Amino acid sequence: MEKAAAELKYRPNAQARALRNARTNIIGVLVPDIQNPFFSTLAASIHKAAYENGFSMLLSHTDEKPDRLNRALEMLGRQRVDGIIVVPHIQSARATLELHDSGMPIVAADRLIPHSIIPSVTADAVPGITDALMALSSLPNAKIGYLAGPQDTSTGQERLNLVKEISKEMGLEPPTIFFGGYQELAGFEGTIDLLEQGVNCILASDTMMTTGAVEALREKNLKIGKHVALVGYDDTQLFRLQNPPLSVIDQNVTLIGKKAFEMLYDYITLEKAPKSMKIPSIYRGRGSTMLAP
């Protein structure tokens, strides 16, 4: 049979093979904002790992809206994908859990669904935030402000709680908090608000808010690293090319994406939920935290 197939230059039909194996070799990936460099890098990392393992990927941008995420989950369930990697939203927890309970392998990336059995790959924010606060608090006359993310996401809640708890453990004055969303405009408006309250050291909670903070400081003609210290979130090329380069909390998003696919692959092939994992964040100190006395 193999000899005859070789002589006829037979190539197995991918769809027929998938039907025999009851798999499609397609996964779904749901991210809240594809324009955010963090999530575009996450998606690219997942795609690379999927391609290397013979999988295709359906990508959906949910715009940080629970109703869109719910519809995307429903669509992927109908499309017979083999599994899903999702950046979840707390308000979409029920829809995500229902699809998972129906037998769909699901892995959460970057964020998690609190008190659920869905496995996740997330960053451990403790080391990065600890070292960032230590660096900012060591600056002369430091008055720290925090650009907090949305409190209906696990990352927004966790990072805010850590900033408060670690500041207290260090014996620091409670940081001034601005509550916003993971958007550039929120970072811009929040920075203006913090400056008006006398803040001279700013910690942002994500990539887009960091970008907004940079724009606000430029509009106010304040030199980063001289007049105001700034720590951003995520180690993007844009932040490394700033003058001065920005100090950041690096979550290693590429590794998060790679591990998320590996976890989903094991879930699909072994038909057993893998264990969740946390990847340590790293504070990378650069010129934006060299505040002049």
C-alpha atoms as a PDB file:
ATOM      1  CA  MET A   1       0.000   0.000   0.000  1.00  0.00           C
ATOM      2  CA  GLU A   2       2.776   2.458   0.921  1.00  0.00           C
ATOM      3  CA  LYS A   3       4.664   1.551  -2.281  1.00  0.00           C
ATOM      4  CA  ALA A   4       1.563   2.174  -4.404  1.00  0.00           C
ATOM      5  CA  ALA A   5       0.950   5.473  -2.680  1.00  0.00           C
ATOM      6  CA  ALA A   6       4.514   6.554  -3.364  1.00  0.00           C
ATOM      7  CA  GLU A   7       4.267   5.583  -7.036  1.00  0.00           C
ATOM      8  CA  LEU A   8       1.042   7.555  -7.407  1.00  0.00           C
ATOM      9  CA  LYS A   9       2.574  10.517  -5.506  1.00  0.00           C
ATOM     10  CA  TYR A  10      -0.363  10.300  -3.106  1.00  0.00           C
ATOM     11  CA  ARG A  11      -0.724  13.116  -0.587  1.00  0.00           C
ATOM     12  CA  PRO A  12      -3.052  12.604   2.406  1.00  0.00           C
ATOM     13  CA  ASN A  13      -6.052  14.924   2.450  1.00  0.00           C
ATOM     14  CA  ALA A  14      -5.729  17.207   5.469  1.00  0.00           C
ATOM     15  CA  GLN A  15      -9.503  17.498   5.995  1.00  0.00           C
ATOM     16  CA  ALA A  16     -10.025  13.750   5.794  1.00  0.00           C
ATOM     17  CA  ARG A  17      -7.204  13.174   8.257  1.00  0.00           C
ATOM     18  CA  ALA A  18      -8.702  15.748  10.605  1.00  0.00           C
ATOM     19  CA  LEU A  19     -12.095  14.010  10.462  1.00  0.00           C
ATOM     20  CA  ARG A  20     -10.502  10.665  11.275  1.00  0.00           C
ATOM     21  CA  ASN A  21      -8.696  12.176  14.221  1.00  0.00           C
ATOM     22  CA  ALA A  22     -11.754  14.234  15.218  1.00  0.00           C
ATOM     23  CA  ARG A  23      -9.541  17.316  15.156  1.00  0.00           C
ATOM     24  CA  THR A  24      -9.204  20.315  12.853  1.00  0.00           C
ATOM     25  CA  ASN A  25      -5.703  21.463  13.862  1.00  0.00           C
ATOM     26  CA  ILE A  26      -7.157  24.954  14.278  1.00  0.00           C
ATOM     27  CA  ILE A  27      -7.139  26.961  17.495  1.00  0.00           C
ATOM     28  CA  GLY A  28      -8.915  30.182  18.382  1.00  0.00           C
ATOM     29  CA  VAL A  29      -7.135  33.124  19.999  1.00  0.00           C
ATOM     30  CA  LEU A  30      -9.087  35.979  21.610  1.00  0.00           C
ATOM     31  CA  VAL A  31      -7.314  39.205  22.579  1.00  0.00           C
ATOM     32  CA  PRO A  32      -8.866  42.467  23.832  1.00  0.00           C
ATOM     33  CA  ASP A  33      -6.874  44.965  21.751  1.00  0.00           C
ATOM     34  CA  ILE A  34      -4.761  43.961  18.760  1.00  0.00           C
ATOM     35  CA  GLN A  35      -3.432  47.540  18.493  1.00  0.00           C
ATOM     36  CA  ASN A  36      -1.834  47.181  21.912  1.00  0.00           C
ATOM     37  CA  PRO A  37       1.791  46.072  21.308  1.00  0.00           C
ATOM     38  CA  PHE A  38       1.559  43.647  24.225  1.00  0.00           C
ATOM     39  CA  PHE A  39      -1.370  41.749  22.729  1.00  0.00           C
ATOM     40  CA  SER A  40      -0.094  41.861  19.148  1.00  0.00           C
ATOM     41  CA  THR A  41       3.194  40.375  20.384  1.00  0.00           C
ATOM     42  CA  LEU A  42       1.271  37.779  22.388  1.00  0.00           C
ATOM     43  CA  ALA A  43      -0.743  36.779  19.307  1.00  0.00           C
ATOM     44  CA  ALA A  44       2.396  36.615  17.148  1.00  0.00           C
ATOM     45  CA  SER A  45       4.119  34.371  19.682  1.00  0.00           C
ATOM     46  CA  ILE A  46       1.124  32.024  19.842  1.00  0.00           C
ATOM     47  CA  HIS A  47       0.935  31.943  16.030  1.00  0.00           C
ATOM     48  CA  LYS A  48       4.632  31.045  15.727  1.00  0.00           C
ATOM     49  CA  ALA A  49       4.316  28.185  18.201  1.00  0.00           C
ATOM     50  CA  ALA A  50       1.104  26.969  16.558  1.00  0.00           C
ATOM     51  CA  TYR A  51       2.613  27.030  13.059  1.00  0.00           C
ATOM     52  CA  GLU A  52       5.667  25.098  14.210  1.00  0.00           C
ATOM     53  CA  ASN A  53       3.352  22.392  15.515  1.00  0.00           C
ATOM     54  CA  GLY A  54       1.111  22.152  12.458  1.00  0.00           C
ATOM     55  CA  PHE A  55      -1.772  24.263  13.747  1.00  0.00           C
ATOM     56  CA  SER A  56      -3.594  27.194  12.165  1.00  0.00           C
ATOM     57  CA  MET A  57      -5.012  30.061  14.203  1.00  0.00           C
ATOM     58  CA  LEU A  58      -8.225  32.095  14.129  1.00  0.00           C
ATOM     59  CA  LEU A  59      -7.633  35.483  15.772  1.00  0.00           C
ATOM     60  CA  SER A  60     -10.416  37.651  17.191  1.00  0.00           C
ATOM     61  CA  HIS A  61     -10.146  41.202  18.553  1.00  0.00           C
ATOM     62  CA  THR A  62     -12.742  41.717  21.300  1.00  0.00           C
ATOM     63  CA  ASP A  63     -12.110  45.421  21.992  1.00  0.00           C
ATOM     64  CA  GLU A  64     -12.160  44.842  25.775  1.00  0.00           C
ATOM     65  CA  LYS A  65     -15.957  44.359  25.537  1.00  0.00           C
ATOM     66  CA  PRO A  66     -17.547  41.367  27.307  1.00  0.00           C
ATOM     67  CA  ASP A  67     -20.395  41.036  24.776  1.00  0.00           C
ATOM     68  CA  ARG A  68     -17.919  40.768  21.896  1.00  0.00           C
ATOM     69  CA  LEU A  69     -15.900  38.205  23.811  1.00  0.00           C
ATOM     70  CA  ASN A  70     -19.055  36.179  24.482  1.00  0.00           C
ATOM     71  CA  ARG A  71     -19.998  36.215  20.780  1.00  0.00           C
ATOM     72  CA  ALA A  72     -16.472  35.248  19.758  1.00  0.00           C
ATOM     73  CA  LEU A  73     -16.515  32.300  22.162  1.00  0.00           C
ATOM     74  CA  GLU A  74     -19.849  31.152  20.732  1.00  0.00           C
ATOM     75  CA  MET A  75     -18.538  31.459  17.163  1.00  0.00           C
ATOM     76  CA  LEU A  76     -15.380  29.473  17.914  1.00  0.00           C
ATOM     77  CA  GLY A  77     -17.468  26.766  19.555  1.00  0.00           C
ATOM     78  CA  ARG A  78     -19.447  26.404  16.308  1.00  0.00           C
ATOM     79  CA  GLN A  79     -16.288  26.450  14.166  1.00  0.00           C
ATOM     80  CA  ARG A  80     -15.054  23.180  15.708  1.00  0.00           C
ATOM     81  CA  VAL A  81     -11.707  24.582  16.743  1.00  0.00           C
ATOM     82  CA  ASP A  82      -9.592  22.178  18.779  1.00  0.00           C
ATOM     83  CA  GLY A  83      -9.051  24.642  21.605  1.00  0.00           C
ATOM     84  CA  ILE A  84      -8.972  28.303  22.582  1.00  0.00           C
ATOM     85  CA  ILE A  85      -6.452  30.687  24.117  1.00  0.00           C
ATOM     86  CA  VAL A  86      -8.275  33.649  25.623  1.00  0.00           C
ATOM     87  CA  VAL A  87      -7.336  36.847  27.411  1.00  0.00           C
ATOM     88  CA  PRO A  88     -10.423  36.724  29.625  1.00  0.00           C
ATOM     89  CA  HIS A  89     -12.672  39.387  31.034  1.00  0.00           C
ATOM     90  CA  ILE A  90     -14.280  38.943  34.449  1.00  0.00           C
ATOM     91  CA  GLN A  91     -17.711  39.842  33.029  1.00  0.00           C
ATOM     92  CA  SER A  92     -17.346  37.033  30.466  1.00  0.00           C
ATOM     93  CA  ALA A  93     -16.405  34.408  33.035  1.00  0.00           C
ATOM     94  CA  ARG A  94     -19.726  32.565  32.775  1.00  0.00           C
ATOM     95  CA  ALA A  95     -19.623  32.174  28.983  1.00  0.00           C
ATOM     96  CA  THR A  96     -15.991  31.053  29.122  1.00  0.00           C
ATOM     97  CA  LEU A  97     -16.659  28.501  31.858  1.00  0.00           C
ATOM     98  CA  GLU A  98     -19.753  27.130  30.092  1.00  0.00           C
ATOM     99  CA  LEU A  99     -17.792  26.512  26.880  1.00  0.00           C
ATOM    100  CA  HIS A 100     -14.964  24.918  28.863  1.00  0.00           C
ATOM    101  CA  ASP A 101     -17.411  22.702  30.759  1.00  0.00           C
ATOM    102  CA  SER A 102     -18.897  21.534  27.440  1.00  0.00           C
ATOM    103  CA  GLY A 103     -15.536  19.928  26.636  1.00  0.00           C
ATOM    104  CA  MET A 104     -13.634  22.709  24.857  1.00  0.00           C
ATOM    105  CA  PRO A 105      -9.964  22.925  25.938  1.00  0.00           C
ATOM    106  CA  ILE A 106      -9.374  26.535  27.020  1.00  0.00           C
ATOM    107  CA  VAL A 107      -6.240  28.240  28.340  1.00  0.00           C
ATOM    108  CA  ALA A 108      -6.237  31.771  29.750  1.00  0.00           C
ATOM    109  CA  ALA A 109      -3.246  33.971  28.884  1.00  0.00           C
ATOM    110  CA  ASP A 110      -2.071  37.153  30.647  1.00  0.00           C
ATOM    111  CA  ARG A 111      -5.227  37.252  32.760  1.00  0.00           C
ATOM    112  CA  LEU A 112      -7.109  34.582  34.640  1.00  0.00           C
ATOM    113  CA  ILE A 113     -10.667  33.891  35.678  1.00  0.00           C
ATOM    114  CA  PRO A 114     -10.671  34.028  39.477  1.00  0.00           C
ATOM    115  CA  HIS A 115     -11.707  30.857  41.322  1.00  0.00           C
ATOM    116  CA  SER A 116     -12.023  28.805  38.125  1.00  0.00           C
ATOM    117  CA  ILE A 117     -10.419  25.549  36.987  1.00  0.00           C
ATOM    118  CA  ILE A 118      -9.370  26.967  33.606  1.00  0.00           C
ATOM    119  CA  PRO A 119      -5.557  26.735  33.395  1.00  0.00           C
ATOM    120  CA  SER A 120      -3.663  29.974  32.842  1.00  0.00           C
ATOM    121  CA  VAL A 121      -0.272  31.400  31.906  1.00  0.00           C
ATOM    122  CA  THR A 122       0.255  34.753  33.582  1.00  0.00           C
ATOM    123  CA  ALA A 123       3.066  37.012  34.714  1.00  0.00           C
ATOM    124  CA  ASP A 124       4.020  37.096  38.377  1.00  0.00           C
ATOM    125  CA  ALA A 125       3.809  40.841  38.971  1.00  0.00           C
ATOM    126  CA  VAL A 126       5.393  40.760  42.438  1.00  0.00           C
ATOM    127  CA  PRO A 127       9.121  40.961  41.558  1.00  0.00           C
ATOM    128  CA  GLY A 128       8.664  43.629  38.885  1.00  0.00           C
ATOM    129  CA  ILE A 129       6.427  45.893  40.966  1.00  0.00           C
ATOM    130  CA  THR A 130       8.596  45.438  44.067  1.00  0.00           C
ATOM    131  CA  ASP A 131      11.787  46.490  42.289  1.00  0.00           C
ATOM    132  CA  ALA A 132      10.033  49.347  40.467  1.00  0.00           C
ATOM    133  CA  LEU A 133       8.695  50.809  43.717  1.00  0.00           C
ATOM    134  CA  MET A 134      12.099  50.383  45.324  1.00  0.00           C
ATOM    135  CA  ALA A 135      13.729  52.307  42.462  1.00  0.00           C
ATOM    136  CA  LEU A 136      11.164  55.119  42.546  1.00  0.00           C
ATOM    137  CA  SER A 137      11.155  55.452  46.334  1.00  0.00           C
ATOM    138  CA  SER A 138      14.947  55.809  46.375  1.00  0.00           C
ATOM    139  CA  LEU A 139      14.751  59.013  44.322  1.00  0.00           C
ATOM    140  CA  PRO A 140      15.005  62.392  46.118  1.00  0.00           C
ATOM    141  CA  ASN A 141      11.679  63.916  47.231  1.00  0.00           C
ATOM    142  CA  ALA A 142       9.784  61.058  45.615  1.00  0.00           C
ATOM    143  CA  LYS A 143       5.997  61.353  45.498  1.00  0.00           C
ATOM    144  CA  ILE A 144       4.723  58.248  43.743  1.00  0.00           C
ATOM    145  CA  GLY A 145       1.578  58.027  41.629  1.00  0.00           C
ATOM    146  CA  TYR A 146       0.051  54.942  40.023  1.00  0.00           C
ATOM    147  CA  LEU A 147      -1.928  54.714  36.778  1.00  0.00           C
ATOM    148  CA  ALA A 148      -4.241  51.821  37.661  1.00  0.00           C
ATOM    149  CA  GLY A 149      -5.848  49.579  35.058  1.00  0.00           C
ATOM    150  CA  PRO A 150      -9.525  48.565  34.839  1.00  0.00           C
ATOM    151  CA  GLN A 151     -10.793  46.856  37.957  1.00  0.00           C
ATOM    152  CA  ASP A 152     -12.966  44.417  35.998  1.00  0.00           C
ATOM    153  CA  THR A 153      -9.828  42.560  34.867  1.00  0.00           C
ATOM    154  CA  SER A 154      -7.706  40.247  36.998  1.00  0.00           C
ATOM    155  CA  THR A 155      -4.522  42.125  36.082  1.00  0.00           C
ATOM    156  CA  GLY A 156      -6.035  45.491  36.962  1.00  0.00           C
ATOM    157  CA  GLN A 157      -7.105  44.228  40.374  1.00  0.00           C
ATOM    158  CA  GLU A 158      -3.917  42.318  41.132  1.00  0.00           C
ATOM    159  CA  ARG A 159      -1.480  45.084  40.184  1.00  0.00           C
ATOM    160  CA  LEU A 160      -3.362  47.721  42.161  1.00  0.00           C
ATOM    161  CA  ASN A 161      -3.487  45.506  45.247  1.00  0.00           C
ATOM    162  CA  LEU A 162       0.219  44.742  44.943  1.00  0.00           C
ATOM    163  CA  VAL A 163       1.170  48.416  44.582  1.00  0.00           C
ATOM    164  CA  LYS A 164      -0.758  49.194  47.766  1.00  0.00           C
ATOM    165  CA  GLU A 165       0.510  46.183  49.731  1.00  0.00           C
ATOM    166  CA  ILE A 166       4.168  46.461  48.710  1.00  0.00           C
ATOM    167  CA  SER A 167       4.210  50.213  49.351  1.00  0.00           C
ATOM    168  CA  LYS A 168       2.875  49.555  52.851  1.00  0.00           C
ATOM    169  CA  GLU A 169       5.444  46.805  53.487  1.00  0.00           C
ATOM    170  CA  MET A 170       8.224  49.205  52.425  1.00  0.00           C
ATOM    171  CA  GLY A 171       6.929  51.872  54.777  1.00  0.00           C
ATOM    172  CA  LEU A 172       6.149  54.252  51.913  1.00  0.00           C
ATOM    173  CA  GLU A 173       3.421  56.846  51.762  1.00  0.00           C
ATOM    174  CA  PRO A 174       0.374  55.404  49.961  1.00  0.00           C
ATOM    175  CA  PRO A 175       0.740  56.166  46.234  1.00  0.00           C
ATOM    176  CA  THR A 176      -1.695  58.577  44.624  1.00  0.00           C
ATOM    177  CA  ILE A 177      -3.999  56.462  42.439  1.00  0.00           C
ATOM    178  CA  PHE A 178      -5.663  57.306  39.134  1.00  0.00           C
ATOM    179  CA  PHE A 179      -8.248  54.766  37.958  1.00  0.00           C
ATOM    180  CA  GLY A 180      -8.468  54.331  34.208  1.00  0.00           C
ATOM    181  CA  GLY A 181      -8.564  51.761  31.431  1.00  0.00           C
ATOM    182  CA  TYR A 182      -5.850  50.071  29.430  1.00  0.00           C
ATOM    183  CA  GLN A 183      -5.931  52.891  26.874  1.00  0.00           C
ATOM    184  CA  GLU A 184      -3.581  55.657  25.776  1.00  0.00           C
ATOM    185  CA  LEU A 185      -6.130  58.378  26.585  1.00  0.00           C
ATOM    186  CA  ALA A 186      -6.498  57.075  30.142  1.00  0.00           C
ATOM    187  CA  GLY A 187      -2.729  57.216  30.564  1.00  0.00           C
ATOM    188  CA  PHE A 188      -2.652  60.773  29.232  1.00  0.00           C
ATOM    189  CA  GLU A 189      -5.492  62.046  31.412  1.00  0.00           C
ATOM    190  CA  GLY A 190      -4.247  60.137  34.424  1.00  0.00           C
ATOM    191  CA  THR A 191      -0.769  61.607  34.153  1.00  0.00           C
ATOM    192  CA  ILE A 192      -2.165  65.145  33.995  1.00  0.00           C
ATOM    193  CA  ASP A 193      -4.273  64.377  37.064  1.00  0.00           C
ATOM    194  CA  LEU A 194      -1.315  62.959  39.011  1.00  0.00           C
ATOM    195  CA  LEU A 195       0.908  65.918  38.109  1.00  0.00           C
ATOM    196  CA  GLU A 196      -1.735  68.319  39.410  1.00  0.00           C
ATOM    197  CA  GLN A 197      -1.574  66.456  42.734  1.00  0.00           C
ATOM    198  CA  GLY A 198       2.178  66.961  43.013  1.00  0.00           C
ATOM    199  CA  VAL A 199       3.313  63.525  41.845  1.00  0.00           C
ATOM    200  CA  ASN A 200       6.851  63.387  40.415  1.00  0.00           C
ATOM    201  CA  CYS A 201       7.280  59.590  40.105  1.00  0.00           C
ATOM    202  CA  ILE A 202       4.776  57.669  37.971  1.00  0.00           C
ATOM    203  CA  LEU A 203       4.234  53.928  37.629  1.00  0.00           C
ATOM    204  CA  ALA A 204       1.977  52.899  34.735  1.00  0.00           C
ATOM    205  CA  SER A 205       0.116  49.589  34.695  1.00  0.00           C
ATOM    206  CA  ASP A 206       0.238  48.678  31.002  1.00  0.00           C
ATOM    207  CA  THR A 207       1.714  49.513  27.589  1.00  0.00           C
ATOM    208  CA  MET A 208      -0.993  51.887  26.357  1.00  0.00           C
ATOM    209  CA  MET A 209      -1.176  53.845  29.613  1.00  0.00           C
ATOM    210  CA  THR A 210       2.615  54.203  29.491  1.00  0.00           C
ATOM    211  CA  THR A 211       2.358  55.641  25.982  1.00  0.00           C
ATOM    212  CA  GLY A 212      -0.269  58.117  27.173  1.00  0.00           C
ATOM    213  CA  ALA A 213       1.952  59.141  30.085  1.00  0.00           C
ATOM    214  CA  VAL A 214       4.843  59.883  27.725  1.00  0.00           C
ATOM    215  CA  GLU A 215       2.578  62.065  25.567  1.00  0.00           C
ATOM    216  CA  ALA A 216       1.253  63.972  28.589  1.00  0.00           C
ATOM    217  CA  LEU A 217       4.733  64.714  29.918  1.00  0.00           C
ATOM    218  CA  ARG A 218       5.809  65.980  26.499  1.00  0.00           C
ATOM    219  CA  GLU A 219       2.772  68.248  26.283  1.00  0.00           C
ATOM    220  CA  LYS A 220       3.655  69.680  29.697  1.00  0.00           C
ATOM    221  CA  ASN A 221       7.284  70.168  28.578  1.00  0.00           C
ATOM    222  CA  LEU A 222       8.491  67.979  31.415  1.00  0.00           C
ATOM    223  CA  LYS A 223      11.682  66.043  30.807  1.00  0.00           C
ATOM    224  CA  ILE A 224      11.341  62.353  31.630  1.00  0.00           C
ATOM    225  CA  GLY A 225      14.114  61.311  33.979  1.00  0.00           C
ATOM    226  CA  LYS A 226      14.835  64.912  34.966  1.00  0.00           C
ATOM    227  CA  HIS A 227      11.572  66.513  36.089  1.00  0.00           C
ATOM    228  CA  VAL A 228       9.449  63.366  36.387  1.00  0.00           C
ATOM    229  CA  ALA A 229      10.475  59.732  36.821  1.00  0.00           C
ATOM    230  CA  LEU A 230       8.460  57.174  34.854  1.00  0.00           C
ATOM    231  CA  VAL A 231       8.247  53.385  34.971  1.00  0.00           C
ATOM    232  CA  GLY A 232       6.270  51.808  32.153  1.00  0.00           C
ATOM    233  CA  TYR A 233       4.803  48.352  31.703  1.00  0.00           C
ATOM    234  CA  ASP A 234       6.114  45.888  29.088  1.00  0.00           C
ATOM    235  CA  ASP A 235       9.463  46.085  27.340  1.00  0.00           C
ATOM    236  CA  THR A 236       8.491  47.318  23.867  1.00  0.00           C
ATOM    237  CA  GLN A 237      10.929  48.628  21.273  1.00  0.00           C
ATOM    238  CA  LEU A 238       9.165  52.003  21.392  1.00  0.00           C
ATOM    239  CA  PHE A 239      10.021  52.395  25.072  1.00  0.00           C
ATOM    240  CA  ARG A 240      13.641  51.341  24.566  1.00  0.00           C
ATOM    241  CA  LEU A 241      14.044  53.984  21.838  1.00  0.00           C
ATOM    242  CA  GLN A 242      12.764  56.877  23.966  1.00  0.00           C
ATOM    243  CA  ASN A 243      15.197  59.577  25.082  1.00  0.00           C
ATOM    244  CA  PRO A 244      15.960  58.588  27.742  1.00  0.00           C
ATOM    245  CA  PRO A 245      15.005  54.910  27.401  1.00  0.00           C
ATOM    246  CA  LEU A 246      12.130  54.012  29.710  1.00  0.00           C
ATOM    247  CA  SER A 247      12.485  51.874  32.794  1.00  0.00           C
ATOM    248  CA  VAL A 248       9.841  49.152  32.548  1.00  0.00           C
ATOM    249  CA  ILE A 249       8.330  46.105  34.170  1.00  0.00           C
ATOM    250  CA  ASP A 250       8.947  43.355  31.616  1.00  0.00           C
ATOM    251  CA  GLN A 251       6.395  40.503  31.613  1.00  0.00           C
ATOM    252  CA  ASN A 252       8.184  38.471  28.906  1.00  0.00           C
ATOM    253  CA  VAL A 253       5.097  38.415  26.692  1.00  0.00           C
ATOM    254  CA  THR A 254       6.773  36.245  24.048  1.00  0.00           C
ATOM    255  CA  LEU A 255       7.313  33.489  26.597  1.00  0.00           C
ATOM    256  CA  ILE A 256       3.733  33.834  27.860  1.00  0.00           C
ATOM    257  CA  GLY A 257       2.452  33.250  24.314  1.00  0.00           C
ATOM    258  CA  LYS A 258       4.753  30.285  23.718  1.00  0.00           C
ATOM    259  CA  LYS A 259       3.825  28.625  27.005  1.00  0.00           C
ATOM    260  CA  ALA A 260       0.114  29.283  26.439  1.00  0.00           C
ATOM    261  CA  PHE A 261       0.215  27.361  23.165  1.00  0.00           C
ATOM    262  CA  GLU A 262       2.276  24.539  24.668  1.00  0.00           C
ATOM    263  CA  MET A 263      -0.249  24.272  27.482  1.00  0.00           C
ATOM    264  CA  LEU A 264      -3.194  24.219  25.064  1.00  0.00           C
ATOM    265  CA  TYR A 265      -1.431  21.658  22.854  1.00  0.00           C
ATOM    266  CA  ASP A 266      -1.006  19.347  25.843  1.00  0.00           C
ATOM    267  CA  TYR A 267      -4.640  19.931  26.807  1.00  0.00           C
ATOM    268  CA  ILE A 268      -5.803  18.971  23.299  1.00  0.00           C
ATOM    269  CA  THR A 269      -3.560  15.951  22.811  1.00  0.00           C
ATOM    270  CA  LEU A 270      -3.542  14.532  26.338  1.00  0.00           C
ATOM    271  CA  GLU A 271      -7.182  15.463  27.027  1.00  0.00           C
ATOM    272  CA  LYS A 272      -6.239  16.538  30.528  1.00  0.00           C
ATOM    273  CA  ALA A 273      -6.157  20.051  31.968  1.00  0.00           C
ATOM    274  CA  PRO A 274      -2.550  21.194  32.565  1.00  0.00           C
ATOM    275  CA  LYS A 275      -1.412  23.095  35.631  1.00  0.00           C
ATOM    276  CA  SER A 276      -1.365  26.889  35.601  1.00  0.00           C
ATOM    277  CA  MET A 277       1.971  28.689  35.593  1.00  0.00           C
ATOM    278  CA  LYS A 278       3.347  32.109  36.442  1.00  0.00           C
ATOM    279  CA  ILE A 279       6.324  33.709  34.679  1.00  0.00           C
ATOM    280  CA  PRO A 280       8.335  36.127  36.859  1.00  0.00           C
ATOM    281  CA  SER A 281       8.246  39.777  35.792  1.00  0.00           C
ATOM    282  CA  ILE A 282      11.503  41.738  35.721  1.00  0.00           C
ATOM    283  CA  TYR A 283      12.155  45.401  36.449  1.00  0.00           C
ATOM    284  CA  ARG A 284      14.508  46.871  33.834  1.00  0.00           C
ATOM    285  CA  GLY A 285      15.938  50.140  35.117  1.00  0.00           C
ATOM    286  CA  ARG A 286      16.922  52.757  32.525  1.00  0.00           C
ATOM    287  CA  GLY A 287      17.248  56.512  32.175  1.00  0.00           C
ATOM    288  CA  SER A 288      13.644  57.434  32.945  1.00  0.00           C
ATOM    289  CA  THR A 289      14.200  56.803  36.658  1.00  0.00           C
ATOM    290  CA  MET A 290      17.292  59.006  37.091  1.00  0.00           C
ATOM    291  CA  LEU A 291      15.397  61.911  38.652  1.00  0.00           C
ATOM    292  CA  ALA A 292      17.586  64.957  39.292  1.00  0.00           C
ATOM    293  CA  PRO A 293      17.815  66.120  42.934  1.00  0.00           C
END
